[in-house]
N, C-alpha and C. Protein backbone atom coordinates (compact mmCIF):
# COMPACT_ATOMS: atom_id res chain seq x y z
N MET A 1 -0.27 -17.64 -15.32
CA MET A 1 -0.06 -17.68 -13.87
C MET A 1 0.97 -16.63 -13.48
N ASN A 2 0.74 -15.97 -12.37
CA ASN A 2 1.64 -14.94 -11.88
C ASN A 2 2.92 -15.58 -11.35
N LYS A 3 4.06 -15.25 -11.98
CA LYS A 3 5.32 -15.88 -11.57
C LYS A 3 5.76 -15.46 -10.17
N TYR A 4 5.17 -14.38 -9.63
CA TYR A 4 5.55 -13.90 -8.30
C TYR A 4 4.62 -14.43 -7.21
N LYS A 5 3.65 -15.27 -7.61
CA LYS A 5 2.63 -15.73 -6.67
C LYS A 5 3.22 -16.30 -5.38
N ASN A 6 4.22 -17.12 -5.47
CA ASN A 6 4.79 -17.74 -4.28
C ASN A 6 5.68 -16.80 -3.48
N GLU A 7 6.07 -15.67 -4.07
CA GLU A 7 6.94 -14.72 -3.37
C GLU A 7 6.17 -13.65 -2.63
N CYS A 8 4.89 -13.45 -2.90
CA CYS A 8 4.13 -12.36 -2.31
C CYS A 8 4.16 -12.31 -0.79
N PRO A 9 3.97 -13.44 -0.08
CA PRO A 9 4.03 -13.35 1.38
C PRO A 9 5.35 -12.81 1.90
N GLN A 10 6.48 -13.13 1.25
CA GLN A 10 7.75 -12.60 1.74
C GLN A 10 7.83 -11.09 1.51
N TYR A 11 7.21 -10.57 0.44
CA TYR A 11 7.21 -9.13 0.21
C TYR A 11 6.31 -8.43 1.23
N GLU A 12 5.20 -9.05 1.54
CA GLU A 12 4.30 -8.51 2.57
C GLU A 12 5.06 -8.41 3.90
N LYS A 13 5.76 -9.46 4.25
CA LYS A 13 6.53 -9.48 5.50
C LYS A 13 7.63 -8.43 5.48
N ARG A 14 8.35 -8.32 4.36
CA ARG A 14 9.44 -7.34 4.25
C ARG A 14 8.91 -5.92 4.38
N GLY A 15 7.79 -5.62 3.74
CA GLY A 15 7.18 -4.30 3.85
C GLY A 15 6.82 -3.95 5.27
N ARG A 16 6.28 -4.91 5.99
CA ARG A 16 5.91 -4.67 7.39
C ARG A 16 7.15 -4.47 8.27
N GLU A 17 8.21 -5.22 7.99
CA GLU A 17 9.46 -5.04 8.76
C GLU A 17 10.01 -3.63 8.58
N ILE A 18 10.01 -3.15 7.36
CA ILE A 18 10.51 -1.80 7.08
C ILE A 18 9.61 -0.75 7.73
N MET A 19 8.29 -0.91 7.57
CA MET A 19 7.36 0.06 8.14
C MET A 19 7.49 0.11 9.65
N LYS A 20 7.69 -1.04 10.30
CA LYS A 20 7.87 -1.08 11.76
C LYS A 20 9.11 -0.26 12.15
N LYS A 21 10.19 -0.38 11.39
CA LYS A 21 11.40 0.41 11.68
C LYS A 21 11.14 1.90 11.52
N ILE A 22 10.41 2.26 10.47
CA ILE A 22 10.07 3.67 10.26
C ILE A 22 9.21 4.18 11.41
N PHE A 23 8.21 3.42 11.79
CA PHE A 23 7.34 3.81 12.91
C PHE A 23 8.14 3.93 14.21
N ASP A 24 9.04 2.99 14.45
CA ASP A 24 9.80 2.98 15.70
C ASP A 24 10.69 4.20 15.87
N ILE A 25 11.19 4.77 14.77
CA ILE A 25 12.06 5.95 14.90
C ILE A 25 11.31 7.27 14.74
N SER A 26 10.05 7.22 14.39
CA SER A 26 9.27 8.43 14.17
C SER A 26 8.72 8.97 15.49
N SER A 27 8.98 10.23 15.75
CA SER A 27 8.45 10.84 16.98
C SER A 27 6.96 11.15 16.84
N ALA A 28 6.44 11.21 15.61
CA ALA A 28 5.02 11.52 15.39
C ALA A 28 4.12 10.31 15.60
N ILE A 29 4.66 9.09 15.46
CA ILE A 29 3.86 7.86 15.60
C ILE A 29 3.90 7.42 17.06
N THR A 30 2.72 7.41 17.68
CA THR A 30 2.67 7.03 19.10
C THR A 30 2.29 5.58 19.31
N ASP A 31 1.59 4.99 18.36
CA ASP A 31 1.29 3.55 18.45
C ASP A 31 0.90 3.04 17.06
N TYR A 32 1.03 1.73 16.87
CA TYR A 32 0.66 1.13 15.60
C TYR A 32 0.36 -0.35 15.81
N GLU A 33 -0.43 -0.89 14.89
CA GLU A 33 -0.78 -2.31 14.92
C GLU A 33 -0.98 -2.79 13.48
N PHE A 34 -0.37 -3.92 13.14
CA PHE A 34 -0.55 -4.52 11.83
C PHE A 34 -1.67 -5.54 11.91
N THR A 35 -2.49 -5.61 10.86
CA THR A 35 -3.56 -6.60 10.82
C THR A 35 -2.98 -7.95 10.43
N GLU A 36 -3.71 -9.01 10.71
CA GLU A 36 -3.20 -10.36 10.47
C GLU A 36 -4.11 -11.22 9.59
N GLY A 37 -5.36 -10.81 9.38
CA GLY A 37 -6.31 -11.63 8.65
C GLY A 37 -6.07 -11.68 7.16
N GLU A 38 -6.43 -12.79 6.54
CA GLU A 38 -6.23 -12.99 5.11
C GLU A 38 -7.03 -11.98 4.28
N TYR A 39 -8.22 -11.60 4.74
CA TYR A 39 -9.07 -10.70 3.97
C TYR A 39 -9.24 -9.34 4.63
N ASP A 40 -8.34 -8.95 5.51
CA ASP A 40 -8.41 -7.62 6.11
C ASP A 40 -8.35 -6.57 5.01
N ASN A 41 -9.17 -5.54 5.13
CA ASN A 41 -9.22 -4.50 4.11
C ASN A 41 -8.03 -3.55 4.18
N VAL A 42 -7.34 -3.52 5.31
CA VAL A 42 -6.18 -2.66 5.48
C VAL A 42 -5.05 -3.46 6.11
N ASP A 43 -3.84 -2.91 6.07
CA ASP A 43 -2.67 -3.60 6.64
C ASP A 43 -2.28 -3.11 8.02
N MET A 44 -2.70 -1.88 8.36
CA MET A 44 -2.24 -1.34 9.65
C MET A 44 -3.13 -0.20 10.12
N TYR A 45 -3.09 -0.03 11.45
CA TYR A 45 -3.70 1.10 12.12
C TYR A 45 -2.58 1.80 12.88
N PHE A 46 -2.59 3.13 12.88
CA PHE A 46 -1.56 3.85 13.61
C PHE A 46 -2.06 5.23 14.01
N THR A 47 -1.39 5.82 14.99
CA THR A 47 -1.68 7.17 15.43
C THR A 47 -0.50 8.05 15.07
N SER A 48 -0.78 9.12 14.33
CA SER A 48 0.26 10.04 13.89
C SER A 48 -0.10 11.45 14.35
N ALA A 49 0.75 12.03 15.18
CA ALA A 49 0.52 13.37 15.72
C ALA A 49 -0.89 13.50 16.31
N GLY A 50 -1.32 12.45 17.01
CA GLY A 50 -2.62 12.46 17.67
C GLY A 50 -3.80 12.11 16.79
N THR A 51 -3.59 11.85 15.52
CA THR A 51 -4.66 11.52 14.58
C THR A 51 -4.69 10.02 14.31
N GLN A 52 -5.88 9.43 14.43
CA GLN A 52 -6.05 8.01 14.14
C GLN A 52 -6.00 7.78 12.63
N CYS A 53 -5.17 6.84 12.19
CA CYS A 53 -4.96 6.59 10.76
C CYS A 53 -5.10 5.10 10.46
N VAL A 54 -5.35 4.82 9.19
CA VAL A 54 -5.42 3.46 8.69
C VAL A 54 -4.55 3.42 7.43
N GLY A 55 -3.87 2.30 7.19
CA GLY A 55 -2.98 2.27 6.05
C GLY A 55 -2.99 0.96 5.29
N GLU A 56 -2.81 1.08 3.99
CA GLU A 56 -2.56 -0.05 3.11
C GLU A 56 -1.10 0.05 2.71
N LEU A 57 -0.35 -1.00 2.90
CA LEU A 57 1.09 -0.99 2.68
C LEU A 57 1.44 -1.92 1.53
N LYS A 58 2.25 -1.43 0.60
CA LYS A 58 2.72 -2.24 -0.51
C LYS A 58 4.24 -2.14 -0.59
N TYR A 59 4.90 -3.29 -0.61
CA TYR A 59 6.34 -3.37 -0.84
C TYR A 59 6.50 -3.89 -2.25
N ARG A 60 7.12 -3.10 -3.11
CA ARG A 60 7.25 -3.46 -4.52
C ARG A 60 8.71 -3.55 -4.91
N ILE A 61 9.06 -4.57 -5.68
CA ILE A 61 10.46 -4.77 -6.03
C ILE A 61 10.87 -3.99 -7.27
N ASP A 62 9.91 -3.47 -8.04
CA ASP A 62 10.24 -2.85 -9.31
C ASP A 62 9.25 -1.73 -9.61
N TYR A 63 9.74 -0.56 -9.94
CA TYR A 63 8.88 0.56 -10.29
C TYR A 63 8.10 0.32 -11.57
N ASN A 64 8.62 -0.47 -12.50
CA ASN A 64 8.03 -0.57 -13.82
C ASN A 64 7.51 -1.96 -14.17
N SER A 65 7.21 -2.76 -13.20
CA SER A 65 6.77 -4.12 -13.45
C SER A 65 5.26 -4.19 -13.61
N ASP A 66 4.80 -4.70 -14.74
CA ASP A 66 3.36 -4.90 -14.92
C ASP A 66 2.81 -5.87 -13.88
N SER A 67 3.63 -6.82 -13.46
CA SER A 67 3.20 -7.78 -12.47
C SER A 67 2.85 -7.10 -11.14
N TYR A 68 3.50 -6.00 -10.88
CA TYR A 68 3.25 -5.30 -9.62
C TYR A 68 2.46 -4.02 -9.79
N ILE A 69 1.87 -3.84 -10.96
CA ILE A 69 0.90 -2.79 -11.21
C ILE A 69 1.45 -1.40 -10.92
N ILE A 70 2.72 -1.19 -11.29
CA ILE A 70 3.31 0.13 -11.23
C ILE A 70 3.43 0.60 -12.68
N THR A 71 3.03 1.81 -12.95
CA THR A 71 3.18 2.34 -14.30
C THR A 71 4.11 3.53 -14.25
N LYS A 72 4.52 4.01 -15.41
CA LYS A 72 5.39 5.19 -15.42
C LYS A 72 4.61 6.42 -14.97
N TYR A 73 3.30 6.33 -14.93
CA TYR A 73 2.47 7.46 -14.53
C TYR A 73 2.08 7.44 -13.06
N GLY A 74 2.10 6.29 -12.46
CA GLY A 74 1.66 6.21 -11.08
C GLY A 74 1.43 4.78 -10.64
N VAL A 75 0.68 4.63 -9.58
CA VAL A 75 0.39 3.32 -9.02
C VAL A 75 -1.12 3.10 -9.09
N MET A 76 -1.53 1.85 -9.02
CA MET A 76 -2.96 1.55 -9.06
C MET A 76 -3.44 1.13 -7.68
N ILE A 77 -4.62 1.62 -7.33
CA ILE A 77 -5.27 1.20 -6.08
C ILE A 77 -6.63 0.61 -6.44
N ASP A 78 -6.91 -0.53 -5.91
CA ASP A 78 -8.14 -1.26 -6.14
C ASP A 78 -9.34 -0.45 -5.62
N GLU A 79 -10.36 -0.30 -6.46
CA GLU A 79 -11.55 0.47 -6.07
C GLU A 79 -12.21 -0.11 -4.82
N HIS A 80 -12.31 -1.41 -4.74
CA HIS A 80 -12.92 -2.08 -3.58
C HIS A 80 -12.15 -1.74 -2.30
N LYS A 81 -10.82 -1.83 -2.36
CA LYS A 81 -9.98 -1.51 -1.21
C LYS A 81 -10.12 -0.04 -0.84
N LEU A 82 -10.14 0.83 -1.84
CA LEU A 82 -10.27 2.27 -1.61
C LEU A 82 -11.56 2.59 -0.86
N LEU A 83 -12.66 2.03 -1.32
CA LEU A 83 -13.94 2.31 -0.67
C LEU A 83 -13.94 1.86 0.78
N GLY A 84 -13.35 0.71 1.04
CA GLY A 84 -13.25 0.24 2.42
C GLY A 84 -12.43 1.15 3.30
N MET A 85 -11.36 1.70 2.75
CA MET A 85 -10.49 2.59 3.53
C MET A 85 -11.15 3.95 3.77
N LEU A 86 -11.89 4.45 2.77
CA LEU A 86 -12.53 5.75 2.91
C LEU A 86 -13.76 5.70 3.82
N ASN A 87 -14.32 4.53 4.03
CA ASN A 87 -15.51 4.38 4.86
C ASN A 87 -15.18 4.08 6.32
N GLN A 88 -14.03 4.52 6.77
CA GLN A 88 -13.65 4.36 8.17
C GLN A 88 -13.58 5.74 8.81
N ASP A 89 -13.56 5.79 10.12
CA ASP A 89 -13.46 7.07 10.81
C ASP A 89 -12.01 7.44 11.10
N LYS A 90 -11.11 6.96 10.27
CA LYS A 90 -9.68 7.22 10.43
C LYS A 90 -9.13 7.81 9.13
N VAL A 91 -8.01 8.52 9.21
CA VAL A 91 -7.40 9.10 8.02
C VAL A 91 -6.74 7.97 7.22
N PRO A 92 -7.13 7.79 5.93
CA PRO A 92 -6.62 6.67 5.14
C PRO A 92 -5.34 7.01 4.36
N PHE A 93 -4.35 6.13 4.46
CA PHE A 93 -3.10 6.28 3.72
C PHE A 93 -2.82 5.04 2.88
N TYR A 94 -2.25 5.25 1.71
CA TYR A 94 -1.77 4.18 0.84
C TYR A 94 -0.27 4.40 0.75
N ILE A 95 0.51 3.42 1.19
CA ILE A 95 1.95 3.59 1.30
C ILE A 95 2.65 2.52 0.46
N MET A 96 3.55 2.98 -0.41
CA MET A 96 4.34 2.06 -1.24
C MET A 96 5.81 2.27 -0.90
N ILE A 97 6.51 1.17 -0.67
CA ILE A 97 7.95 1.25 -0.40
C ILE A 97 8.69 0.31 -1.35
N PHE A 98 9.93 0.71 -1.66
CA PHE A 98 10.73 0.00 -2.66
C PHE A 98 12.09 -0.37 -2.07
N PRO A 99 12.75 -1.38 -2.63
CA PRO A 99 14.04 -1.84 -2.10
C PRO A 99 15.13 -0.77 -2.09
N ASP A 100 15.01 0.26 -2.93
CA ASP A 100 16.04 1.30 -2.95
C ASP A 100 15.84 2.33 -1.84
N LYS A 101 14.98 1.98 -0.87
CA LYS A 101 14.72 2.80 0.32
C LYS A 101 14.07 4.13 0.00
N VAL A 102 13.16 4.09 -0.96
CA VAL A 102 12.33 5.23 -1.33
C VAL A 102 10.89 4.75 -1.23
N GLY A 103 9.99 5.65 -0.85
CA GLY A 103 8.59 5.30 -0.78
C GLY A 103 7.70 6.46 -1.19
N TYR A 104 6.42 6.16 -1.34
CA TYR A 104 5.41 7.17 -1.62
C TYR A 104 4.27 6.96 -0.64
N ARG A 105 3.78 8.06 -0.10
CA ARG A 105 2.66 8.03 0.84
C ARG A 105 1.54 8.89 0.25
N PHE A 106 0.35 8.30 0.10
CA PHE A 106 -0.81 9.00 -0.44
C PHE A 106 -1.86 9.14 0.67
N ARG A 107 -2.30 10.35 0.93
CA ARG A 107 -3.41 10.56 1.87
C ARG A 107 -4.69 10.52 1.02
N LEU A 108 -5.40 9.43 1.11
CA LEU A 108 -6.49 9.16 0.17
C LEU A 108 -7.69 10.08 0.31
N ASP A 109 -7.96 10.59 1.50
CA ASP A 109 -9.13 11.45 1.67
C ASP A 109 -8.91 12.85 1.09
N GLU A 110 -7.71 13.14 0.61
CA GLU A 110 -7.42 14.44 0.00
C GLU A 110 -7.32 14.35 -1.53
N ILE A 111 -7.65 13.20 -2.10
CA ILE A 111 -7.54 12.99 -3.55
C ILE A 111 -8.94 12.93 -4.16
N ASP A 112 -9.14 13.68 -5.24
CA ASP A 112 -10.41 13.66 -5.97
C ASP A 112 -10.35 12.52 -7.00
N PHE A 113 -10.89 11.37 -6.64
CA PHE A 113 -10.81 10.19 -7.50
C PHE A 113 -11.66 10.31 -8.76
N SER A 114 -12.61 11.22 -8.78
CA SER A 114 -13.43 11.41 -9.99
C SER A 114 -12.60 11.97 -11.14
N LYS A 115 -11.44 12.53 -10.84
CA LYS A 115 -10.58 13.09 -11.88
C LYS A 115 -9.48 12.13 -12.32
N LEU A 116 -9.43 10.95 -11.73
CA LEU A 116 -8.36 10.00 -12.04
C LEU A 116 -8.80 8.95 -13.06
N GLU A 117 -7.83 8.43 -13.79
CA GLU A 117 -8.08 7.36 -14.74
C GLU A 117 -8.43 6.08 -13.97
N LYS A 118 -9.38 5.34 -14.52
CA LYS A 118 -9.82 4.09 -13.90
C LYS A 118 -9.64 2.97 -14.92
N LYS A 119 -9.11 1.83 -14.49
CA LYS A 119 -8.89 0.69 -15.38
C LYS A 119 -9.42 -0.57 -14.74
N SER A 120 -9.79 -1.51 -15.58
CA SER A 120 -10.17 -2.84 -15.12
C SER A 120 -8.96 -3.73 -15.33
N ILE A 121 -8.45 -4.33 -14.26
CA ILE A 121 -7.23 -5.13 -14.37
C ILE A 121 -7.41 -6.48 -13.68
N GLN A 122 -6.57 -7.42 -14.08
CA GLN A 122 -6.55 -8.73 -13.43
C GLN A 122 -5.44 -8.71 -12.38
N ARG A 123 -5.76 -9.25 -11.22
CA ARG A 123 -4.78 -9.30 -10.14
C ARG A 123 -5.14 -10.43 -9.19
N GLN A 124 -4.21 -10.74 -8.31
CA GLN A 124 -4.47 -11.77 -7.31
C GLN A 124 -5.51 -11.27 -6.32
N LYS A 125 -6.34 -12.18 -5.85
CA LYS A 125 -7.38 -11.80 -4.90
C LYS A 125 -6.76 -11.34 -3.59
N THR A 126 -5.69 -12.01 -3.18
CA THR A 126 -5.00 -11.64 -1.95
C THR A 126 -3.52 -12.01 -2.10
N THR A 127 -2.65 -11.31 -1.39
CA THR A 127 -1.22 -11.62 -1.48
C THR A 127 -0.77 -12.55 -0.37
N VAL A 128 -1.62 -12.77 0.61
CA VAL A 128 -1.29 -13.71 1.69
C VAL A 128 -2.41 -14.71 1.81
N GLY A 129 -2.17 -15.80 2.49
CA GLY A 129 -3.20 -16.80 2.67
C GLY A 129 -3.28 -17.75 1.48
N GLU A 130 -4.31 -18.53 1.45
CA GLU A 130 -4.42 -19.59 0.44
C GLU A 130 -5.09 -19.14 -0.85
N ASN A 131 -6.02 -18.19 -0.80
CA ASN A 131 -6.81 -17.83 -1.98
C ASN A 131 -6.15 -16.71 -2.76
N ARG A 132 -5.26 -17.08 -3.68
CA ARG A 132 -4.57 -16.09 -4.51
C ARG A 132 -5.02 -16.20 -5.96
N ASN A 133 -6.26 -16.61 -6.18
CA ASN A 133 -6.79 -16.72 -7.53
C ASN A 133 -6.78 -15.37 -8.22
N ILE A 134 -6.71 -15.38 -9.54
CA ILE A 134 -6.73 -14.15 -10.32
C ILE A 134 -8.18 -13.71 -10.50
N ILE A 135 -8.45 -12.44 -10.20
CA ILE A 135 -9.78 -11.85 -10.36
C ILE A 135 -9.63 -10.54 -11.13
N THR A 136 -10.73 -10.01 -11.64
CA THR A 136 -10.71 -8.71 -12.31
C THR A 136 -11.30 -7.68 -11.37
N ARG A 137 -10.57 -6.58 -11.19
CA ARG A 137 -11.01 -5.50 -10.30
C ARG A 137 -10.83 -4.16 -10.99
N ASN A 138 -11.72 -3.22 -10.67
CA ASN A 138 -11.55 -1.85 -11.13
C ASN A 138 -10.54 -1.17 -10.24
N SER A 139 -9.63 -0.42 -10.84
CA SER A 139 -8.58 0.25 -10.09
C SER A 139 -8.38 1.66 -10.62
N TYR A 140 -7.96 2.55 -9.73
CA TYR A 140 -7.61 3.92 -10.10
C TYR A 140 -6.10 4.02 -10.23
N ILE A 141 -5.64 4.83 -11.18
CA ILE A 141 -4.21 5.14 -11.27
C ILE A 141 -3.96 6.37 -10.43
N LEU A 142 -3.09 6.23 -9.43
CA LEU A 142 -2.69 7.35 -8.58
C LEU A 142 -1.41 7.95 -9.15
N PRO A 143 -1.46 9.15 -9.72
CA PRO A 143 -0.22 9.77 -10.20
C PRO A 143 0.76 9.97 -9.04
N LEU A 144 2.02 9.65 -9.28
CA LEU A 144 3.01 9.79 -8.21
C LEU A 144 3.05 11.22 -7.67
N ALA A 145 2.72 12.20 -8.50
CA ALA A 145 2.73 13.61 -8.07
C ALA A 145 1.71 13.88 -6.96
N LEU A 146 0.71 13.02 -6.80
CA LEU A 146 -0.27 13.20 -5.73
C LEU A 146 0.21 12.64 -4.40
N GLY A 147 1.30 11.90 -4.43
CA GLY A 147 1.86 11.32 -3.22
C GLY A 147 3.01 12.14 -2.68
N HIS A 148 3.40 11.81 -1.48
CA HIS A 148 4.56 12.42 -0.85
C HIS A 148 5.70 11.41 -0.93
N LYS A 149 6.77 11.75 -1.65
CA LYS A 149 7.92 10.87 -1.77
C LYS A 149 8.77 11.00 -0.51
N PHE A 150 9.22 9.86 0.02
CA PHE A 150 10.07 9.90 1.20
C PHE A 150 11.21 8.90 1.06
N SER A 151 12.24 9.12 1.82
CA SER A 151 13.42 8.24 1.79
C SER A 151 13.64 7.68 3.17
N PHE A 152 14.08 6.43 3.24
CA PHE A 152 14.41 5.83 4.52
C PHE A 152 15.80 5.18 4.41
N LYS A 153 16.69 5.88 3.73
CA LYS A 153 18.05 5.38 3.47
C LYS A 153 18.86 5.22 4.74
N LYS A 154 18.50 5.93 5.80
CA LYS A 154 19.27 5.86 7.04
C LYS A 154 18.90 4.66 7.90
N LEU A 155 17.84 3.94 7.52
CA LEU A 155 17.47 2.72 8.26
C LEU A 155 18.45 1.61 7.95
N HIS A 156 18.74 0.82 8.94
CA HIS A 156 19.54 -0.39 8.71
C HIS A 156 18.65 -1.45 8.12
N SER A 157 19.15 -2.21 7.17
CA SER A 157 18.34 -3.25 6.53
C SER A 157 18.01 -4.33 7.44
């Protein structure tokens, strides 16, 4: 059993709180909306410099925790989630933020996934809601070098 199972909703909430602060101070973001459904394929919709975007947001407490699917080489993105994000008419982003006020932003439509390592892993079906059963999903490893590292150290906690 995943020892972090009961903590996931608080991490989801914390990630959204931080992202809202980042959006609120960004002059490029003109509007944003977070999704609320248990099985929503994405976490947020936003407009950046006039471009409609969609985002998956992950708040992770540890860079090297197997429980949170971070490796020394990169992060994993679920193939099912990826396909849903790429099949929209919006620019897809995968955003990871960490407690040390550092994050990575990946623009998914600019990544050639055929060149990336793919693994079958066990993970929770969802991080919010009631159905957090463990399932097996195919996932791609996103090398951190493909993302844009950013800092939000100037934000108040």
